[in-house]
């Protein structure tokens, strides 16, 4: 087991993707700190890891505050003597279109996803640096943060911000031997369960059956367990040279997302005045517009919601 002797914190790990990450880390030998806002859910997660022969303790607290971040790191050190890996997975959704989104809708999502990632990583990285541990920071992003999604202003902002922070942390922590990466999962979750397009895949997963190849291969859409292997790999010594990356995974697909780069560059002596842009702007800008949001291919007839 390549993670034998390692200690990991996984926020938001009571169920779903976070639980799959925690279980895989334990399966590979790591001791795990589970985190959830519900005590019963956290206790069940601990029990599931112990049933695998692993070690786990729980911290029942909402991610976001510095106090919770400190509690998570201190629990890892008190229980297991060290901390090697932090996986920031905790999150909430408050989806609605821009003109209906309240301050609370926005602030709640930003606090848990963005601020919670920041406070937890700051605490973990400080401990790792002070104790000369070549640790692993693994932050969970989303396709929404990469491309945008209707009704998710708050979530898109948070997930895009997480990738931006990861790239910065990779620079700041490189000298200490600490890696920082973002994982962009595509998997059956409570959110995708409500989308008719994914119905056949979600129903197959719920029934314990393989998802149709169209979802796994063409869309890179799979189960929580399909993502967990990447989390364990990034936590391992084998991934010491991987840092500052946004890595997509789902179903049968693994991706490395490109960092933003200009697709066209034009120069004009004296700068780009309003008049110059009137003359050339349409050719340069409108001629190179980039796509927003995700576009999915049509479902095969046998996978249409009406046929499942």
Protein backbone atom coordinates (compact mmCIF):
# COMPACT_ATOMS: atom_id res chain seq x y z
CA UNK A 1 0.00 0.00 0.00
CA UNK A 2 1.77 3.10 -1.27
CA UNK A 3 0.20 5.46 1.29
CA UNK A 4 1.11 3.39 4.34
CA UNK A 5 1.98 5.74 7.20
CA UNK A 6 0.46 8.78 5.48
CA UNK A 7 -2.29 10.87 7.05
CA UNK A 8 -4.98 12.65 5.04
CA UNK A 9 -7.84 15.07 5.71
CA UNK A 10 -10.80 14.98 3.32
CA UNK A 11 -13.35 17.74 3.83
CA UNK A 12 -16.97 16.99 3.00
CA UNK A 13 -16.28 13.27 3.14
CA UNK A 14 -19.38 11.93 4.87
CA UNK A 15 -20.93 10.73 1.61
CA UNK A 16 -20.68 10.90 -2.17
CA UNK A 17 -17.44 11.82 -3.87
CA UNK A 18 -15.72 12.84 -0.64
CA UNK A 19 -16.43 9.49 0.98
CA UNK A 20 -15.09 7.66 -2.09
CA UNK A 21 -11.89 9.70 -1.85
CA UNK A 22 -11.49 8.95 1.85
CA UNK A 23 -12.14 5.24 1.38
CA UNK A 24 -9.61 4.94 -1.44
CA UNK A 25 -6.95 6.80 0.55
CA UNK A 26 -7.58 4.39 3.44
CA UNK A 27 -7.54 1.41 1.07
CA UNK A 28 -4.06 2.49 -0.02
CA UNK A 29 -2.87 2.68 3.60
CA UNK A 30 -3.51 6.24 4.73
CA UNK A 31 -5.16 7.17 8.02
CA UNK A 32 -8.01 9.59 7.33
CA UNK A 33 -9.76 12.49 9.02
CA UNK A 34 -13.40 12.50 7.89
CA UNK A 35 -15.31 15.78 7.88
CA UNK A 36 -19.05 16.41 7.63
CA UNK A 37 -21.62 18.74 9.15
CA UNK A 38 -23.79 15.82 10.29
CA UNK A 39 -22.49 13.67 13.17
CA UNK A 40 -24.35 10.51 12.17
CA UNK A 41 -23.14 10.74 8.57
CA UNK A 42 -19.56 11.29 9.70
CA UNK A 43 -19.77 8.32 12.09
CA UNK A 44 -21.05 6.07 9.31
CA UNK A 45 -18.16 7.14 7.10
CA UNK A 46 -15.65 6.31 9.84
CA UNK A 47 -17.27 2.92 10.30
CA UNK A 48 -17.08 2.19 6.57
CA UNK A 49 -13.34 2.86 6.59
CA UNK A 50 -12.75 0.78 9.68
CA UNK A 51 -14.64 -2.05 7.96
CA UNK A 52 -11.98 -1.88 5.23
CA UNK A 53 -9.33 -2.33 7.90
CA UNK A 54 -8.39 1.36 7.83
CA UNK A 55 -8.06 4.08 10.42
CA UNK A 56 -10.35 7.10 10.57
CA UNK A 57 -11.58 9.78 12.94
CA UNK A 58 -14.21 12.45 12.33
CA UNK A 59 -14.48 16.20 12.73
CA UNK A 60 -18.08 17.39 12.69
CA UNK A 61 -17.95 21.02 11.59
CA UNK A 62 -18.81 23.32 8.69
CA UNK A 63 -15.85 24.22 6.50
CA UNK A 64 -15.17 27.91 5.96
CA UNK A 65 -13.85 29.31 9.20
CA UNK A 66 -10.26 29.37 10.36
CA UNK A 67 -11.38 27.60 13.54
CA UNK A 68 -12.60 24.59 11.56
CA UNK A 69 -9.39 24.51 9.53
CA UNK A 70 -7.32 24.51 12.73
CA UNK A 71 -9.50 21.79 14.24
CA UNK A 72 -9.05 19.56 11.21
CA UNK A 73 -5.26 19.83 11.20
CA UNK A 74 -4.99 19.46 14.97
CA UNK A 75 -7.19 16.37 14.90
CA UNK A 76 -4.94 14.74 12.30
CA UNK A 77 -1.84 15.50 14.36
CA UNK A 78 -3.40 14.45 17.67
CA UNK A 79 -4.80 11.20 16.27
CA UNK A 80 -2.00 10.12 13.95
CA UNK A 81 1.03 12.30 14.66
CA UNK A 82 1.27 14.12 11.34
CA UNK A 83 -0.48 15.39 8.21
CA UNK A 84 0.58 14.56 4.66
CA UNK A 85 -2.43 15.24 2.44
CA UNK A 86 -5.38 17.62 2.38
CA UNK A 87 -8.30 17.08 0.00
CA UNK A 88 -10.71 20.04 -0.05
CA UNK A 89 -14.01 18.60 -1.22
CA UNK A 90 -16.66 20.22 1.00
CA UNK A 91 -19.30 22.18 -0.84
CA UNK A 92 -22.89 23.35 -1.08
CA UNK A 93 -25.11 24.50 -3.93
CA UNK A 94 -27.48 27.47 -4.12
CA UNK A 95 -28.37 27.44 -7.81
CA UNK A 96 -30.43 30.19 -9.39
CA UNK A 97 -30.09 32.72 -12.20
CA UNK A 98 -28.18 35.94 -11.58
CA UNK A 99 -31.22 38.22 -11.15
CA UNK A 100 -32.74 35.91 -8.54
CA UNK A 101 -29.56 35.10 -6.62
CA UNK A 102 -29.58 36.59 -3.13
CA UNK A 103 -26.58 37.83 -1.16
CA UNK A 104 -26.96 34.77 1.07
CA UNK A 105 -27.04 32.42 -1.94
CA UNK A 106 -23.78 33.90 -3.15
CA UNK A 107 -22.03 34.24 0.20
CA UNK A 108 -22.89 30.72 1.40
CA UNK A 109 -21.36 29.03 -1.63
CA UNK A 110 -18.30 31.29 -1.68
CA UNK A 111 -17.73 30.77 2.05
CA UNK A 112 -17.78 26.98 1.90
CA UNK A 113 -16.08 26.36 -1.44
CA UNK A 114 -13.65 29.24 -1.83
CA UNK A 115 -12.98 30.51 1.67
CA UNK A 116 -13.16 26.97 3.07
CA UNK A 117 -10.53 25.83 0.59
CA UNK A 118 -8.34 28.82 1.44
CA UNK A 119 -8.52 28.46 5.22
CA UNK A 120 -7.96 24.70 5.18
CA UNK A 121 -5.05 24.88 2.74
CA UNK A 122 -3.44 27.76 4.64
CA UNK A 123 -3.55 25.75 7.87
CA UNK A 124 -2.36 22.51 6.27
CA UNK A 125 0.42 24.14 4.26
CA UNK A 126 1.66 26.02 7.33
CA UNK A 127 1.88 22.76 9.27
CA UNK A 128 3.62 20.96 6.39
CA UNK A 129 6.20 23.73 5.92
CA UNK A 130 6.95 24.03 9.62
CA UNK A 131 7.44 20.26 9.90
CA UNK A 132 9.31 19.83 6.61
CA UNK A 133 6.68 17.49 5.17
CA UNK A 134 6.55 17.25 1.37
CA UNK A 135 2.78 17.25 1.49
CA UNK A 136 -0.02 17.10 -1.03
CA UNK A 137 -2.77 19.69 -1.53
CA UNK A 138 -5.62 18.38 -3.68
CA UNK A 139 -8.51 20.77 -4.33
CA UNK A 140 -11.72 19.75 -6.03
CA UNK A 141 -12.80 21.93 -8.92
CA UNK A 142 -15.62 21.52 -11.46
CA UNK A 143 -16.29 21.80 -15.19
CA UNK A 144 -18.50 24.74 -14.19
CA UNK A 145 -15.43 26.60 -12.97
CA UNK A 146 -13.66 25.89 -16.24
CA UNK A 147 -16.44 26.76 -18.67
CA UNK A 148 -19.40 28.27 -16.76
CA UNK A 149 -22.92 26.89 -16.30
CA UNK A 150 -26.38 28.45 -16.41
CA UNK A 151 -27.70 29.27 -12.93
CA UNK A 152 -24.38 28.82 -11.12
CA UNK A 153 -22.81 32.28 -10.76
CA UNK A 154 -21.69 31.54 -7.19
CA UNK A 155 -20.44 28.01 -7.86
CA UNK A 156 -18.62 28.99 -11.05
CA UNK A 157 -16.88 31.85 -9.28
CA UNK A 158 -15.80 29.61 -6.41
CA UNK A 159 -14.55 26.74 -8.58
CA UNK A 160 -12.70 29.03 -10.98
CA UNK A 161 -11.15 30.77 -7.97
CA UNK A 162 -9.99 27.44 -6.55
CA UNK A 163 -8.06 26.64 -9.73
CA UNK A 164 -6.50 30.11 -9.65
CA UNK A 165 -5.41 29.60 -6.03
CA UNK A 166 -3.98 26.15 -6.82
CA UNK A 167 -1.77 27.58 -9.56
CA UNK A 168 -0.54 30.24 -7.15
CA UNK A 169 0.07 27.74 -4.34
CA UNK A 170 2.06 25.50 -6.68
CA UNK A 171 4.49 28.39 -7.11
CA UNK A 172 4.59 29.36 -3.45
CA UNK A 173 4.95 25.82 -2.07
CA UNK A 174 7.33 24.37 -4.66
CA UNK A 175 10.47 25.11 -2.60
CA UNK A 176 8.97 23.20 0.35
CA UNK A 177 8.31 20.16 -1.85
CA UNK A 178 4.53 20.52 -1.39
CA UNK A 179 2.41 19.94 -4.49
CA UNK A 180 -0.92 21.62 -5.19
CA UNK A 181 -3.35 20.38 -7.84
CA UNK A 182 -7.02 20.73 -8.77
CA UNK A 183 -9.12 17.73 -9.73
CA UNK A 184 -12.09 18.30 -12.05
CA UNK A 185 -14.43 15.31 -11.49
CA UNK A 186 -17.35 14.30 -13.68
CA UNK A 187 -19.45 11.73 -11.84
CA UNK A 188 -22.92 10.70 -10.77
CA UNK A 189 -23.85 12.91 -7.82
CA UNK A 190 -26.98 14.24 -6.18
CA UNK A 191 -26.83 17.17 -8.62
CA UNK A 192 -26.56 15.08 -11.81
CA UNK A 193 -29.27 12.72 -10.55
CA UNK A 194 -31.85 15.42 -11.30
CA UNK A 195 -30.69 16.02 -14.91
CA UNK A 196 -32.74 13.97 -17.44
CA UNK A 197 -29.78 13.77 -19.83
CA UNK A 198 -27.88 11.60 -17.33
CA UNK A 199 -30.89 9.49 -16.27
CA UNK A 200 -29.74 6.21 -17.85
CA UNK A 201 -26.29 6.50 -16.31
CA UNK A 202 -27.55 7.50 -12.86
CA UNK A 203 -30.15 4.73 -12.81
CA UNK A 204 -27.58 2.13 -13.84
CA UNK A 205 -25.22 3.28 -11.09
CA UNK A 206 -28.00 3.23 -8.48
CA UNK A 207 -28.86 -0.34 -9.52
CA UNK A 208 -25.24 -1.44 -9.22
CA UNK A 209 -24.97 -1.98 -12.96
CA UNK A 210 -22.28 -0.70 -15.36
CA UNK A 211 -23.02 2.64 -16.95
CA UNK A 212 -23.59 2.58 -20.73
CA UNK A 213 -20.32 3.07 -22.68
CA UNK A 214 -21.68 6.29 -24.20
CA UNK A 215 -21.51 7.97 -20.80
CA UNK A 216 -18.25 6.44 -19.62
CA UNK A 217 -16.30 6.93 -22.83
CA UNK A 218 -17.92 9.67 -24.91
CA UNK A 219 -18.81 11.96 -21.99
CA UNK A 220 -16.18 10.87 -19.45
CA UNK A 221 -19.03 10.47 -16.95
CA UNK A 222 -18.75 7.76 -14.30
CA UNK A 223 -18.98 6.89 -10.63
CA UNK A 224 -17.38 8.36 -7.55
CA UNK A 225 -14.99 5.42 -7.46
CA UNK A 226 -13.75 6.35 -10.94
CA UNK A 227 -12.41 9.62 -9.51
CA UNK A 228 -10.95 8.22 -6.28
CA UNK A 229 -7.93 6.56 -7.88
CA UNK A 230 -6.62 9.92 -9.08
CA UNK A 231 -6.95 11.38 -5.58
CA UNK A 232 -4.86 8.54 -4.12
CA UNK A 233 -2.30 8.84 -6.93
CA UNK A 234 -1.84 12.58 -6.38
CA UNK A 235 -1.38 11.88 -2.65
CA UNK A 236 1.40 9.39 -3.35
CA UNK A 237 5.15 9.90 -3.64
CA UNK A 238 4.87 8.90 -7.29
CA UNK A 239 3.13 12.23 -8.04
CA UNK A 240 5.85 14.43 -6.53
CA UNK A 241 6.49 16.03 -9.92
CA UNK A 242 2.86 16.90 -10.63
CA UNK A 243 1.87 20.34 -9.37
CA UNK A 244 -0.11 23.38 -10.46
CA UNK A 245 -2.36 21.30 -12.69
CA UNK A 246 -6.11 21.08 -13.31
CA UNK A 247 -6.78 17.41 -14.00
CA UNK A 248 -10.12 16.16 -15.27
CA UNK A 249 -11.36 12.64 -14.63
CA UNK A 250 -14.58 10.71 -15.06
CA UNK A 251 -15.66 7.35 -16.37
CA UNK A 252 -12.96 6.06 -18.72
CA UNK A 253 -11.47 9.51 -19.38
CA UNK A 254 -8.46 11.35 -17.92
CA UNK A 255 -7.67 14.92 -19.01
CA UNK A 256 -5.14 17.65 -18.35
CA UNK A 257 -6.85 21.02 -18.69
CA UNK A 258 -4.81 23.72 -20.44
CA UNK A 259 -3.99 26.87 -18.57
CA UNK A 260 -5.69 29.90 -20.20
CA UNK A 261 -3.71 31.11 -23.19
CA UNK A 262 -4.54 33.79 -25.80
CA UNK A 263 -5.89 32.38 -29.04
CA UNK A 264 -5.03 35.48 -31.05
CA UNK A 265 -2.62 38.38 -30.53
CA UNK A 266 -2.63 41.57 -32.60
CA UNK A 267 -0.51 44.71 -32.26
CA UNK A 268 -1.16 48.27 -33.37
CA UNK A 269 1.34 51.08 -33.10
CA UNK A 270 -0.10 53.76 -30.83
CA UNK A 271 -2.52 51.37 -29.13
CA UNK A 272 -6.08 50.26 -29.68
CA UNK A 273 -8.30 53.33 -29.81
CA UNK A 274 -12.07 53.25 -30.08
CA UNK A 275 -11.82 54.16 -33.75
CA UNK A 276 -9.28 51.40 -34.41
CA UNK A 277 -11.51 48.85 -32.71
CA UNK A 278 -14.49 50.00 -34.78
CA UNK A 279 -12.41 49.32 -37.86
CA UNK A 280 -10.82 46.01 -36.83
CA UNK A 281 -12.54 44.81 -33.67
CA UNK A 282 -15.13 42.65 -35.37
CA UNK A 283 -12.48 40.79 -37.35
CA UNK A 284 -10.19 40.25 -34.35
CA UNK A 285 -12.68 39.70 -31.52
CA UNK A 286 -15.89 38.40 -33.07
CA UNK A 287 -13.83 36.22 -35.37
CA UNK A 288 -12.22 34.44 -32.41
CA UNK A 289 -15.02 34.10 -29.87
CA UNK A 290 -14.58 31.21 -27.46
CA UNK A 291 -17.34 28.83 -26.40
CA UNK A 292 -19.04 29.16 -23.02
CA UNK A 293 -20.70 26.39 -21.06
CA UNK A 294 -20.62 22.73 -21.99
CA UNK A 295 -22.28 21.26 -25.08
CA UNK A 296 -23.21 17.58 -24.92
CA UNK A 297 -23.74 15.36 -27.96
CA UNK A 298 -27.26 14.03 -28.59
CA UNK A 299 -28.15 10.97 -26.56
CA UNK A 300 -28.43 7.73 -28.56
CA UNK A 301 -32.08 6.76 -29.04
CA UNK A 302 -31.86 3.83 -26.61
CA UNK A 303 -30.63 6.17 -23.85
CA UNK A 304 -33.32 8.83 -24.21
CA UNK A 305 -35.08 9.47 -20.86
CA UNK A 306 -38.40 8.27 -22.30
CA UNK A 307 -36.87 4.88 -23.12
CA UNK A 308 -35.35 4.09 -19.72
